[in-house]
């Protein structure tokens, strides 16, 4: 779980840096597409992480009762 959190934190940090460069117009069109793709991938990763967490909570609740 620590690995996932470290990976997610690094993912967010890199995405924030690239997004700041994109907003200032420092990136080319190809780099803009890459930043957009990274944002979409990060969003899917977050949704997957939330779904796994919700499933784990549901299993713990089911086993506890």
Protein backbone atom coordinates (compact mmCIF):
# COMPACT_ATOMS: atom_id res chain seq x y z
CA UNK A 1 0.00 0.00 0.00
CA UNK A 2 2.90 2.35 0.71
CA UNK A 3 4.18 1.76 -2.81
CA UNK A 4 0.82 2.77 -4.27
CA UNK A 5 0.74 5.94 -2.18
CA UNK A 6 4.30 6.89 -3.15
CA UNK A 7 3.54 6.22 -6.81
CA UNK A 8 0.35 8.27 -6.64
CA UNK A 9 2.13 11.17 -4.89
CA UNK A 10 4.89 11.19 -7.50
CA UNK A 11 2.26 11.00 -10.24
CA UNK A 12 0.44 14.04 -8.86
CA UNK A 13 3.66 16.03 -8.39
CA UNK A 14 4.81 15.43 -11.97
CA UNK A 15 1.36 16.19 -13.34
CA UNK A 16 1.23 19.48 -11.41
CA UNK A 17 4.63 20.53 -12.75
CA UNK A 18 3.71 19.69 -16.32
CA UNK A 19 0.31 21.34 -16.02
CA UNK A 20 1.94 24.55 -14.77
CA UNK A 21 4.23 24.53 -17.81
CA UNK A 22 1.28 23.91 -20.12
CA UNK A 23 -0.69 26.85 -18.69
CA UNK A 24 2.27 29.19 -19.22
CA UNK A 25 2.57 28.12 -22.85
CA UNK A 26 6.01 26.59 -22.35
CA UNK A 27 5.14 23.26 -23.98
CA UNK A 28 4.63 22.24 -27.58
CA UNK A 29 1.41 20.73 -28.94
CA UNK A 30 2.73 17.19 -28.49
CA UNK A 31 3.67 17.94 -24.90
CA UNK A 32 0.20 19.42 -24.31
CA UNK A 33 -1.33 16.17 -25.52
CA UNK A 34 0.98 14.21 -23.21
CA UNK A 35 -0.04 16.33 -20.21
CA UNK A 36 -3.70 15.83 -21.05
CA UNK A 37 -3.15 12.08 -21.34
CA UNK A 38 -1.33 12.07 -18.02
CA UNK A 39 -4.24 13.87 -16.36
CA UNK A 40 -6.70 11.32 -17.74
CA UNK A 41 -4.51 8.42 -16.62
CA UNK A 42 -4.20 9.94 -13.16
CA UNK A 43 -7.97 10.31 -12.96
CA UNK A 44 -8.52 6.65 -13.91
CA UNK A 45 -5.86 5.56 -11.41
CA UNK A 46 -7.58 7.53 -8.65
CA UNK A 47 -11.00 6.07 -9.51
CA UNK A 48 -9.53 2.55 -9.51
CA UNK A 49 -7.84 3.17 -6.17
CA UNK A 50 -11.11 4.43 -4.70
CA UNK A 51 -12.98 1.40 -6.06
CA UNK A 52 -10.44 -1.02 -4.55
CA UNK A 53 -10.64 0.82 -1.22
CA UNK A 54 -14.44 0.70 -1.27
CA UNK A 55 -14.38 -3.02 -2.08
CA UNK A 56 -11.93 -3.64 0.79
CA UNK A 57 -14.19 -1.73 3.17
CA UNK A 58 -17.21 -3.70 2.00
CA UNK A 59 -15.39 -7.00 2.58
CA UNK A 60 -14.33 -5.92 6.07
CA UNK A 61 -17.86 -4.84 6.95
CA UNK A 62 -19.28 -8.13 5.61
CA UNK A 63 -16.80 -10.23 7.57
CA UNK A 64 -17.34 -8.21 10.74
CA UNK A 65 -21.06 -8.88 10.93
